[in-house]
């Protein structure tokens, strides 16, 4: 549902709380939502530099909104409390970003509650400014107007706080979920594959379709999108610190093992291992469209890779004795990720099972992970009030002057519009997101075309045909899910069906289709 506002005689549509919450599960960035595991919320940053680590979101803020359901402790125990946490990653950059004219930044936390309908309800947004320019740390909590005072001022402050969170989510999505975890992360795999595996090696032939065009599109991105004063630096919240933040996120957050979808879900508390459940996982939120559909794709890829690997490595010891394969994995760890070479989370490569998990993860990142965060960018971000990429002004209640408070009271819509991206920023982002969301007429979708080397081997050809058939079945499963009225996060009036994991698509901006590789 989109809220309609009347501004200067024009009808202006703004993201509702329901849609705001739903897009964390079925939008363009489904990789940030996580379960709350501890209370009270607390920063890990140095309090001597950034101020008090305790969150301003207290029991008194949350419990009145979930009264009749449970207490804070019960909500955490029952896994009903969720969060978007952009506090510790962004807070160290607040003072730097604010030196740039026409933009601002906060550290933020946004809390949601899982309702009996299986949907998320926003509870609170906390915005934090560290101690800077002789001013002490500032933090404030904003609540949805329906759960706080009905005064219009609170409604507008909530809308402004939500705008800031959406801008941060846009930046995190583009810099971490999209660029870092797909485009950037795949490069060392591609380079090592070409350096260490001959073109006749079975793993080279298996990975080959997942490597097409990626280095070319990344080169273009470095020239136009992530370059100094490029599209990202000019139009997204972190501005000229965008790539630095992406690098910090790689240093602090990136682990190869957590790029596998099941491990990612478990690490965020969005699932627990359960051998009796479908896919071996029990989802914390049963109606989590990205996870539900993504696990179908993950399992299909893994089944295909398992058959392929077991055919070429029927004797487990041959994996460890394959010199090319071992050199490939060594380069990925010690050269491609030299700064993380000694981390204990790197998988071993000794058995066919090890190889299957590694290759499945690479194939997933290059195909479905990228599709999930790329091909809905125009659908959700093309209309910039739904997903602004930048917030230009501070919240009026931060160090408020008499003039600012009067403007908030008398012209809240003007304050709101002035905080949104400028016309040139919005237009530029709209054009770029349209290009990034576009499928070329010759797109190569996963499971659609068989490699010639696979056709030449009857066993592999049969395995691929089963893989392709499975993907066609997944299309039908996703359609049936989107038609299920019990699934409130993907069905209902004003609810956009979740189709990003549908494997196949026609050309153009379709909001579906999973190509083999990162080609745009």
Protein backbone atom coordinates (compact mmCIF):
# COMPACT_ATOMS: atom_id res chain seq x y z
CA UNK A 1 0.00 0.00 0.00
CA UNK A 2 1.27 3.47 -0.97
CA UNK A 3 0.11 6.46 1.06
CA UNK A 4 -1.20 9.41 -0.95
CA UNK A 5 -0.31 12.95 0.15
CA UNK A 6 -1.59 16.23 -1.23
CA UNK A 7 1.35 18.59 -1.81
CA UNK A 8 1.10 21.92 -3.62
CA UNK A 9 -2.04 20.76 -5.41
CA UNK A 10 -0.42 17.59 -6.71
CA UNK A 11 -1.07 14.11 -5.45
CA UNK A 12 2.14 12.58 -4.18
CA UNK A 13 2.50 8.91 -3.28
CA UNK A 14 4.63 7.83 -0.33
CA UNK A 15 5.58 4.41 1.00
CA UNK A 16 3.20 3.05 3.64
CA UNK A 17 4.41 1.34 6.80
CA UNK A 18 3.07 -2.00 5.56
CA UNK A 19 4.97 -1.77 2.28
CA UNK A 20 8.07 -0.50 4.07
CA UNK A 21 8.07 -3.65 6.21
CA UNK A 22 7.18 -6.01 3.38
CA UNK A 23 10.03 -4.80 1.19
CA UNK A 24 12.54 -6.01 3.78
CA UNK A 25 11.33 -9.55 2.96
CA UNK A 26 10.39 -9.28 -0.71
CA UNK A 27 11.97 -6.12 -2.05
CA UNK A 28 15.24 -5.33 -3.76
CA UNK A 29 17.32 -5.81 -0.59
CA UNK A 30 16.12 -8.91 1.30
CA UNK A 31 19.60 -9.51 2.75
CA UNK A 32 19.54 -7.03 5.66
CA UNK A 33 16.62 -8.06 7.86
CA UNK A 34 17.76 -10.01 10.91
CA UNK A 35 16.27 -11.38 14.10
CA UNK A 36 16.94 -9.53 17.35
CA UNK A 37 18.94 -11.88 19.57
CA UNK A 38 19.89 -9.68 22.52
CA UNK A 39 18.35 -6.95 24.64
CA UNK A 40 19.05 -4.15 25.25
CA UNK A 41 20.43 -3.19 21.86
CA UNK A 42 24.00 -2.00 22.10
CA UNK A 43 26.67 -0.67 19.73
CA UNK A 44 30.08 -2.34 19.44
CA UNK A 45 31.78 0.96 18.54
CA UNK A 46 34.25 2.68 20.86
CA UNK A 47 32.17 4.79 23.31
CA UNK A 48 35.14 7.14 23.82
CA UNK A 49 34.79 8.19 20.18
CA UNK A 50 31.15 7.66 19.29
CA UNK A 51 29.36 8.11 22.58
CA UNK A 52 27.11 5.92 24.68
CA UNK A 53 26.65 2.49 23.07
CA UNK A 54 23.19 1.89 24.57
CA UNK A 55 20.27 2.23 22.20
CA UNK A 56 17.53 4.74 22.90
CA UNK A 57 14.98 2.09 21.89
CA UNK A 58 13.82 0.97 25.30
CA UNK A 59 11.30 -1.42 26.74
CA UNK A 60 8.97 1.55 27.28
CA UNK A 61 9.07 2.29 23.54
CA UNK A 62 8.40 -1.26 22.36
CA UNK A 63 6.15 -3.06 24.83
CA UNK A 64 3.11 -0.72 24.57
CA UNK A 65 3.06 -1.53 20.83
CA UNK A 66 3.06 -5.30 21.34
CA UNK A 67 0.79 -5.36 24.38
CA UNK A 68 -1.46 -8.37 24.33
CA UNK A 69 1.18 -10.36 22.49
CA UNK A 70 4.22 -10.65 24.74
CA UNK A 71 7.02 -8.90 26.59
CA UNK A 72 10.37 -7.97 25.05
CA UNK A 73 11.94 -11.14 26.44
CA UNK A 74 9.13 -13.31 25.11
CA UNK A 75 9.30 -11.61 21.69
CA UNK A 76 13.03 -12.35 21.46
CA UNK A 77 12.61 -15.92 22.70
CA UNK A 78 9.79 -16.53 20.21
CA UNK A 79 11.77 -14.79 17.43
CA UNK A 80 9.15 -12.15 16.77
CA UNK A 81 11.43 -9.11 16.93
CA UNK A 82 13.44 -8.12 13.83
CA UNK A 83 15.77 -5.31 12.89
CA UNK A 84 17.46 -3.40 10.10
CA UNK A 85 20.76 -2.42 11.71
CA UNK A 86 22.71 0.32 9.95
CA UNK A 87 24.12 1.77 13.14
CA UNK A 88 27.71 0.62 13.50
CA UNK A 89 28.57 0.57 9.78
CA UNK A 90 27.40 4.12 9.04
CA UNK A 91 27.96 5.96 12.33
CA UNK A 92 31.76 6.38 11.83
CA UNK A 93 31.01 8.22 8.56
CA UNK A 94 28.39 10.65 9.82
CA UNK A 95 30.77 13.55 10.47
CA UNK A 96 32.64 12.96 7.17
CA UNK A 97 29.52 12.75 5.03
CA UNK A 98 28.02 15.84 6.64
CA UNK A 99 30.95 17.90 5.42
CA UNK A 100 29.57 17.41 1.89
CA UNK A 101 27.01 19.98 0.86
CA UNK A 102 23.52 18.68 0.19
CA UNK A 103 23.61 15.41 2.10
CA UNK A 104 23.51 14.05 5.61
CA UNK A 105 23.79 10.73 7.41
CA UNK A 106 22.89 8.97 10.66
CA UNK A 107 23.49 5.62 12.22
CA UNK A 108 20.13 3.87 12.43
CA UNK A 109 18.22 0.93 13.83
CA UNK A 110 14.70 -0.02 12.73
CA UNK A 111 12.66 -2.54 14.71
CA UNK A 112 9.79 -4.69 13.43
CA UNK A 113 7.37 -7.10 15.09
CA UNK A 114 6.12 -10.32 13.47
CA UNK A 115 2.31 -10.30 13.60
CA UNK A 116 -0.01 -13.29 13.71
CA UNK A 117 -0.68 -12.73 10.00
CA UNK A 118 2.99 -13.42 9.24
CA UNK A 119 3.70 -9.82 8.24
CA UNK A 120 6.11 -7.37 9.85
CA UNK A 121 4.93 -4.26 11.69
CA UNK A 122 7.32 -1.32 12.16
CA UNK A 123 7.76 -0.41 15.82
CA UNK A 124 10.49 2.21 15.99
CA UNK A 125 13.33 3.94 14.17
CA UNK A 126 16.36 5.22 16.05
CA UNK A 127 18.61 7.82 14.42
CA UNK A 128 21.98 8.59 15.98
CA UNK A 129 24.59 11.30 15.46
CA UNK A 130 27.94 10.78 17.19
CA UNK A 131 29.66 13.45 19.24
CA UNK A 132 31.03 15.92 16.68
CA UNK A 133 31.89 19.59 16.20
CA UNK A 134 31.80 20.15 19.93
CA UNK A 135 28.27 18.77 20.20
CA UNK A 136 27.42 15.71 22.30
CA UNK A 137 26.02 12.49 20.90
CA UNK A 138 22.41 12.87 19.77
CA UNK A 139 19.88 10.09 19.31
CA UNK A 140 16.13 10.04 19.00
CA UNK A 141 13.49 7.35 18.58
CA UNK A 142 10.55 7.80 16.21
CA UNK A 143 7.39 5.70 16.29
CA UNK A 144 4.66 5.14 13.70
CA UNK A 145 1.91 7.69 14.13
CA UNK A 146 -0.70 4.98 14.65
CA UNK A 147 1.21 3.76 17.71
CA UNK A 148 2.08 7.13 19.24
CA UNK A 149 0.37 10.45 19.61
CA UNK A 150 -2.04 11.22 16.82
CA UNK A 151 -0.58 14.71 16.45
CA UNK A 152 0.35 15.41 12.81
CA UNK A 153 3.86 16.49 13.84
CA UNK A 154 4.65 12.92 14.90
CA UNK A 155 3.34 11.60 11.61
CA UNK A 156 5.71 13.85 9.64
CA UNK A 157 8.69 13.08 11.88
CA UNK A 158 8.04 9.36 11.38
CA UNK A 159 7.90 9.87 7.62
CA UNK A 160 11.17 11.77 7.70
CA UNK A 161 12.85 9.10 9.85
CA UNK A 162 11.63 6.44 7.43
CA UNK A 163 13.04 8.46 4.53
CA UNK A 164 16.47 8.44 6.19
CA UNK A 165 16.33 4.66 6.76
CA UNK A 166 15.26 4.03 3.18
CA UNK A 167 18.18 6.12 1.90
CA UNK A 168 20.55 4.11 4.08
CA UNK A 169 19.02 0.85 2.92
CA UNK A 170 19.45 1.98 -0.69
CA UNK A 171 23.12 2.72 -0.05
CA UNK A 172 23.72 -0.56 1.79
CA UNK A 173 21.94 -2.49 -0.93
CA UNK A 174 23.95 -0.95 -3.75
CA UNK A 175 27.33 -1.00 -1.99
CA UNK A 176 27.13 -4.28 -0.06
CA UNK A 177 24.28 -6.60 -1.08
CA UNK A 178 24.77 -5.80 -4.77
CA UNK A 179 28.26 -4.56 -5.65
CA UNK A 180 30.33 -6.18 -2.91
CA UNK A 181 28.59 -9.51 -2.50
CA UNK A 182 28.02 -10.23 -6.22
CA UNK A 183 29.96 -8.16 -8.78
CA UNK A 184 33.06 -7.68 -6.65
CA UNK A 185 33.09 -11.03 -4.83
CA UNK A 186 32.87 -13.07 -8.03
CA UNK A 187 36.00 -11.52 -9.59
CA UNK A 188 38.59 -13.58 -7.63
CA UNK A 189 36.73 -16.77 -8.57
CA UNK A 190 36.76 -15.86 -12.25
CA UNK A 191 40.43 -14.89 -12.26
CA UNK A 192 41.53 -18.02 -10.40
CA UNK A 193 39.42 -20.23 -12.66
CA UNK A 194 41.10 -18.85 -15.78
CA UNK A 195 44.58 -18.95 -14.24
CA UNK A 196 44.53 -22.36 -12.61
CA UNK A 197 42.03 -24.56 -14.48
CA UNK A 198 42.50 -25.62 -18.07
CA UNK A 199 39.52 -25.08 -20.34
CA UNK A 200 39.11 -28.86 -20.47
CA UNK A 201 38.90 -29.21 -16.69
CA UNK A 202 35.40 -30.33 -15.67
CA UNK A 203 35.04 -27.60 -13.01
CA UNK A 204 36.11 -24.94 -15.50
CA UNK A 205 33.40 -26.19 -17.87
CA UNK A 206 30.84 -26.25 -15.06
CA UNK A 207 31.63 -22.67 -13.97
CA UNK A 208 32.13 -21.22 -17.45
CA UNK A 209 28.53 -20.02 -18.00
CA UNK A 210 28.59 -18.36 -14.57
CA UNK A 211 31.60 -16.20 -15.53
CA UNK A 212 30.43 -14.69 -18.80
CA UNK A 213 30.57 -10.89 -19.22
CA UNK A 214 31.17 -10.18 -15.52
CA UNK A 215 34.65 -8.71 -15.86
CA UNK A 216 33.41 -6.51 -18.71
CA UNK A 217 30.43 -5.16 -16.79
CA UNK A 218 32.60 -4.59 -13.70
CA UNK A 219 35.08 -2.64 -15.78
CA UNK A 220 32.27 -0.46 -17.06
CA UNK A 221 30.96 0.00 -13.52
CA UNK A 222 34.37 1.24 -12.39
CA UNK A 223 34.38 3.78 -15.19
CA UNK A 224 30.85 5.13 -14.74
CA UNK A 225 29.04 3.94 -11.61
CA UNK A 226 31.51 3.58 -8.74
CA UNK A 227 34.17 5.93 -10.05
CA UNK A 228 35.05 9.21 -8.34
CA UNK A 229 32.11 11.59 -8.87
CA UNK A 230 30.27 8.79 -10.66
CA UNK A 231 26.59 7.91 -10.32
CA UNK A 232 26.92 6.28 -6.90
CA UNK A 233 29.06 9.04 -5.37
CA UNK A 234 26.81 11.78 -6.69
CA UNK A 235 23.44 10.24 -5.89
CA UNK A 236 23.70 7.87 -2.91
CA UNK A 237 23.86 8.77 0.78
CA UNK A 238 27.55 7.93 1.54
CA UNK A 239 28.63 10.09 -1.43
CA UNK A 240 32.43 10.05 -1.91
CA UNK A 241 32.84 7.52 0.92
CA UNK A 242 30.76 4.91 -0.88
CA UNK A 243 33.59 2.63 -1.95
CA UNK A 244 35.34 3.07 1.38
CA UNK A 245 32.21 1.88 3.17
CA UNK A 246 31.95 -1.05 0.77
CA UNK A 247 35.56 -1.97 1.60
CA UNK A 248 34.92 -1.68 5.34
CA UNK A 249 31.88 -3.93 4.95
CA UNK A 250 34.05 -6.48 3.14
CA UNK A 251 36.59 -6.36 5.96
CA UNK A 252 34.04 -6.64 8.76
CA UNK A 253 31.23 -8.70 7.28
CA UNK A 254 32.24 -10.77 4.23
CA UNK A 255 32.79 -14.50 4.70
CA UNK A 256 32.80 -17.03 1.87
CA UNK A 257 30.80 -19.60 3.83
CA UNK A 258 28.06 -17.05 4.56
CA UNK A 259 27.51 -16.44 0.84
CA UNK A 260 25.69 -19.79 0.70
CA UNK A 261 21.98 -19.05 1.07
CA UNK A 262 21.26 -21.51 3.92
CA UNK A 263 24.24 -20.23 5.93
CA UNK A 264 23.27 -16.62 5.28
CA UNK A 265 19.74 -17.21 6.56
CA UNK A 266 20.99 -19.02 9.66
CA UNK A 267 23.57 -16.31 10.43
CA UNK A 268 20.87 -13.61 10.38
CA UNK A 269 18.58 -15.70 12.56
CA UNK A 270 16.09 -15.97 9.70
CA UNK A 271 16.28 -19.78 9.77
CA UNK A 272 17.51 -22.67 11.89
CA UNK A 273 18.84 -25.99 10.69
CA UNK A 274 16.12 -28.67 10.77
CA UNK A 275 16.73 -31.96 8.94
CA UNK A 276 12.99 -32.68 8.95
CA UNK A 277 12.03 -29.41 7.28
CA UNK A 278 12.03 -28.69 3.53
CA UNK A 279 15.54 -27.71 2.38
CA UNK A 280 16.82 -28.74 5.82
CA UNK A 281 15.82 -25.35 7.25
CA UNK A 282 12.96 -23.98 9.28
CA UNK A 283 12.35 -20.33 8.43
CA UNK A 284 11.80 -17.91 11.30
CA UNK A 285 9.26 -16.05 9.14
CA UNK A 286 7.33 -18.67 7.20
CA UNK A 287 6.25 -16.21 4.50
CA UNK A 288 9.68 -14.82 3.54
CA UNK A 289 9.35 -14.72 -0.28
CA UNK A 290 13.04 -14.29 -1.06
CA UNK A 291 14.04 -17.19 1.20
CA UNK A 292 11.14 -19.45 0.18
CA UNK A 293 11.84 -19.10 -3.54
CA UNK A 294 15.60 -18.75 -3.19
CA UNK A 295 15.87 -22.10 -1.44
CA UNK A 296 14.14 -23.74 -4.40
CA UNK A 297 16.83 -22.36 -6.70
CA UNK A 298 19.62 -23.20 -4.23
CA UNK A 299 18.52 -26.84 -3.96
CA UNK A 300 18.16 -27.16 -7.74
CA UNK A 301 21.68 -25.83 -8.30
CA UNK A 302 23.10 -28.04 -5.57
CA UNK A 303 21.45 -31.18 -6.96
CA UNK A 304 22.85 -30.43 -10.42
CA UNK A 305 26.34 -29.67 -9.09
CA UNK A 306 26.29 -32.79 -6.89
CA UNK A 307 25.54 -35.06 -9.85
CA UNK A 308 28.16 -33.34 -11.95
CA UNK A 309 30.90 -33.47 -9.30
CA UNK A 310 30.16 -37.07 -8.31
CA UNK A 311 30.42 -38.14 -11.93
CA UNK A 312 33.90 -36.66 -12.39
CA UNK A 313 35.11 -37.45 -8.88
CA UNK A 314 33.67 -40.90 -8.09
CA UNK A 315 36.62 -41.61 -5.79
CA UNK A 316 36.78 -38.99 -2.98
CA UNK A 317 40.57 -38.93 -2.84
CA UNK A 318 40.77 -37.63 -6.42
CA UNK A 319 39.58 -34.20 -5.28
CA UNK A 320 42.54 -33.76 -2.96
CA UNK A 321 44.96 -35.14 -5.54
CA UNK A 322 43.71 -32.88 -8.37
CA UNK A 323 46.59 -30.40 -8.57
CA UNK A 324 44.75 -27.91 -10.78
CA UNK A 325 41.76 -27.90 -8.47
CA UNK A 326 43.86 -27.45 -5.35
CA UNK A 327 45.84 -24.62 -6.98
CA UNK A 328 42.52 -22.98 -7.91
CA UNK A 329 41.21 -23.08 -4.35
CA UNK A 330 44.56 -21.95 -2.94
CA UNK A 331 44.63 -18.90 -5.20
CA UNK A 332 41.06 -17.96 -4.32
CA UNK A 333 41.94 -17.99 -0.61
CA UNK A 334 45.51 -16.69 -0.52
CA UNK A 335 45.65 -14.34 -3.52
CA UNK A 336 42.06 -13.35 -4.30
CA UNK A 337 41.41 -12.88 -0.59
CA UNK A 338 44.92 -12.55 0.76
CA UNK A 339 43.82 -10.39 3.68
CA UNK A 340 41.45 -13.14 4.81
CA UNK A 341 43.63 -16.13 3.92
CA UNK A 342 44.05 -17.28 7.53
CA UNK A 343 40.40 -17.09 8.50
CA UNK A 344 39.06 -20.32 9.97
CA UNK A 345 35.75 -20.15 8.13
CA UNK A 346 37.21 -21.08 4.73
CA UNK A 347 35.89 -24.53 3.75
CA UNK A 348 38.35 -27.36 3.16
CA UNK A 349 38.61 -28.83 -0.30
CA UNK A 350 39.22 -32.52 0.29
CA UNK A 351 36.10 -34.37 -0.78
CA UNK A 352 33.44 -34.21 -3.53
CA UNK A 353 31.04 -32.88 -0.89
CA UNK A 354 33.42 -29.98 -0.15
CA UNK A 355 33.74 -29.23 -3.85
CA UNK A 356 29.98 -29.37 -4.34
CA UNK A 357 29.35 -26.84 -1.56
CA UNK A 358 32.03 -24.47 -2.87
CA UNK A 359 30.88 -24.58 -6.48
CA UNK A 360 27.20 -24.32 -5.52
CA UNK A 361 27.98 -21.17 -3.52
CA UNK A 362 29.83 -19.58 -6.44
CA UNK A 363 27.06 -20.49 -8.88
CA UNK A 364 24.39 -19.16 -6.49
CA UNK A 365 26.13 -15.80 -6.01
CA UNK A 366 26.64 -15.32 -9.76
CA UNK A 367 23.07 -16.25 -10.64
CA UNK A 368 20.24 -16.11 -8.11
CA UNK A 369 21.84 -13.84 -5.50
CA UNK A 370 22.59 -11.26 -8.17
CA UNK A 371 19.15 -11.62 -9.72
CA UNK A 372 17.48 -11.08 -6.34
CA UNK A 373 19.22 -7.74 -5.76
CA UNK A 374 19.41 -6.45 -9.33
CA UNK A 375 16.37 -6.97 -11.50
CA UNK A 376 13.84 -5.23 -9.24
CA UNK A 377 15.87 -2.06 -8.90
CA UNK A 378 13.76 -0.09 -11.35
CA UNK A 379 10.47 -1.54 -10.07
CA UNK A 380 11.17 -0.35 -6.52
CA UNK A 381 13.66 2.48 -7.00
CA UNK A 382 12.48 3.98 -10.30
CA UNK A 383 9.86 5.92 -8.34
CA UNK A 384 12.27 7.67 -5.98
CA UNK A 385 9.85 8.48 -3.09
CA UNK A 386 9.41 4.72 -2.68
CA UNK A 387 13.15 4.20 -2.36
CA UNK A 388 15.16 7.44 -2.10
CA UNK A 389 18.90 7.05 -2.53
CA UNK A 390 19.89 10.05 -0.48
CA UNK A 391 18.62 12.16 2.41
CA UNK A 392 19.73 15.76 2.05
CA UNK A 393 18.74 17.38 5.35
CA UNK A 394 18.86 16.57 9.05
CA UNK A 395 15.78 15.69 11.06
CA UNK A 396 14.32 19.02 12.29
CA UNK A 397 14.39 17.88 15.93
CA UNK A 398 18.18 17.49 15.92
CA UNK A 399 19.52 20.72 17.45
CA UNK A 400 16.31 22.49 16.41
CA UNK A 401 16.10 26.22 15.92
CA UNK A 402 12.93 28.22 16.33
CA UNK A 403 12.81 28.70 12.55
CA UNK A 404 13.15 24.98 11.83
CA UNK A 405 10.40 24.05 14.27
CA UNK A 406 8.09 26.68 12.83
CA UNK A 407 8.79 25.37 9.33
CA UNK A 408 8.03 21.83 10.49
CA UNK A 409 4.71 22.95 11.93
CA UNK A 410 3.69 25.21 9.04
CA UNK A 411 5.22 23.47 6.00
CA UNK A 412 6.02 19.82 6.80
CA UNK A 413 5.56 18.75 3.19
CA UNK A 414 8.22 21.26 2.12
CA UNK A 415 10.69 19.87 4.64
CA UNK A 416 9.90 16.39 3.39
CA UNK A 417 10.43 17.26 -0.29
CA UNK A 418 13.66 19.12 0.45
CA UNK A 419 15.02 16.01 2.16
CA UNK A 420 14.37 13.79 -0.87
CA UNK A 421 16.93 13.52 -3.68
CA UNK A 422 17.15 16.48 -6.03
CA UNK A 423 15.58 16.37 -9.48
CA UNK A 424 18.90 15.71 -11.19
CA UNK A 425 19.81 12.98 -8.68
CA UNK A 426 16.41 11.31 -9.03
CA UNK A 427 16.45 11.46 -12.83
CA UNK A 428 19.99 10.09 -13.05
CA UNK A 429 19.22 7.20 -10.69
CA UNK A 430 16.00 6.43 -12.54
CA UNK A 431 17.84 6.09 -15.85
CA UNK A 432 20.62 3.95 -14.36
CA UNK A 433 18.24 1.63 -12.49
CA UNK A 434 16.24 1.14 -15.67
CA UNK A 435 19.41 0.05 -17.49
CA UNK A 436 20.53 -2.24 -14.67
CA UNK A 437 17.11 -3.92 -14.46
CA UNK A 438 16.98 -4.66 -18.18
CA UNK A 439 17.41 -8.13 -19.68
CA UNK A 440 19.12 -8.18 -23.05
CA UNK A 441 17.42 -10.07 -25.91
CA UNK A 442 20.22 -12.68 -25.84
CA UNK A 443 20.21 -13.19 -22.05
CA UNK A 444 21.29 -16.68 -21.01
CA UNK A 445 19.09 -17.90 -18.17
CA UNK A 446 20.13 -20.58 -15.73
CA UNK A 447 19.12 -24.04 -16.92
CA UNK A 448 17.84 -22.74 -20.25
CA UNK A 449 20.79 -23.52 -22.51
CA UNK A 450 23.03 -26.54 -22.25
CA UNK A 451 26.78 -26.18 -22.72
CA UNK A 452 28.24 -28.15 -25.62
CA UNK A 453 30.66 -29.95 -23.32
CA UNK A 454 27.72 -31.19 -21.24
CA UNK A 455 25.92 -32.55 -24.29
CA UNK A 456 28.92 -34.67 -25.24
CA UNK A 457 28.63 -36.68 -22.02
CA UNK A 458 25.34 -38.66 -21.76
CA UNK A 459 25.44 -38.76 -17.94
CA UNK A 460 25.98 -35.02 -17.64
CA UNK A 461 23.43 -34.31 -20.35
CA UNK A 462 20.79 -36.28 -18.45
CA UNK A 463 21.68 -34.51 -15.19
CA UNK A 464 21.34 -31.12 -16.88
CA UNK A 465 17.97 -32.06 -18.34
CA UNK A 466 16.74 -32.90 -14.84
CA UNK A 467 18.10 -29.54 -13.66
CA UNK A 468 16.33 -27.70 -16.46
CA UNK A 469 13.06 -29.51 -15.78
CA UNK A 470 13.33 -28.66 -12.09
CA UNK A 471 13.70 -24.96 -12.89
CA UNK A 472 10.59 -25.06 -15.07
CA UNK A 473 8.72 -26.65 -12.16
CA UNK A 474 9.95 -23.87 -9.87
CA UNK A 475 8.29 -21.32 -12.14
CA UNK A 476 4.94 -23.00 -11.51
CA UNK A 477 5.54 -23.22 -7.76
CA UNK A 478 6.29 -19.51 -7.57
CA UNK A 479 3.14 -18.68 -9.55
CA UNK A 480 1.05 -20.78 -7.17
CA UNK A 481 2.62 -19.08 -4.16
CA UNK A 482 1.85 -15.65 -5.55
CA UNK A 483 -1.78 -16.74 -6.00
CA UNK A 484 -2.07 -18.03 -2.41
CA UNK A 485 -4.22 -15.59 -0.42
CA UNK A 486 -2.76 -16.93 2.84
CA UNK A 487 0.67 -15.51 1.95
CA UNK A 488 0.19 -11.87 2.89
CA UNK A 489 3.72 -10.83 1.86
CA UNK A 490 3.12 -11.78 -1.76
CA UNK A 491 -0.65 -11.66 -2.30
CA UNK A 492 -3.31 -9.05 -1.70
CA UNK A 493 -4.57 -5.68 -2.85
CA UNK A 494 -1.63 -3.48 -3.76
CA UNK A 495 0.89 -6.26 -3.05
CA UNK A 496 3.40 -6.85 -5.84
CA UNK A 497 3.87 -10.58 -6.61
CA UNK A 498 7.38 -11.81 -5.83
CA UNK A 499 8.87 -13.08 -9.09
CA UNK A 500 12.58 -12.35 -8.82
CA UNK A 501 13.43 -16.04 -8.42
CA UNK A 502 11.44 -17.11 -11.49
CA UNK A 503 14.28 -18.55 -13.60
CA UNK A 504 13.17 -17.41 -17.05
CA UNK A 505 12.14 -14.11 -18.59
CA UNK A 506 11.70 -12.30 -21.84
CA UNK A 507 13.84 -9.25 -22.70
CA UNK A 508 13.38 -5.88 -21.05
CA UNK A 509 12.55 -4.75 -17.53
CA UNK A 510 10.46 -7.66 -16.26
CA UNK A 511 11.27 -8.03 -12.55
CA UNK A 512 12.05 -11.72 -13.02
CA UNK A 513 14.60 -14.03 -14.63
CA UNK A 514 17.80 -15.59 -13.23
CA UNK A 515 20.70 -15.36 -15.69
CA UNK A 516 23.67 -17.71 -15.33
CA UNK A 517 26.06 -14.85 -14.72
CA UNK A 518 26.42 -11.24 -13.63
CA UNK A 519 26.12 -9.68 -17.06
CA UNK A 520 24.57 -6.30 -16.21
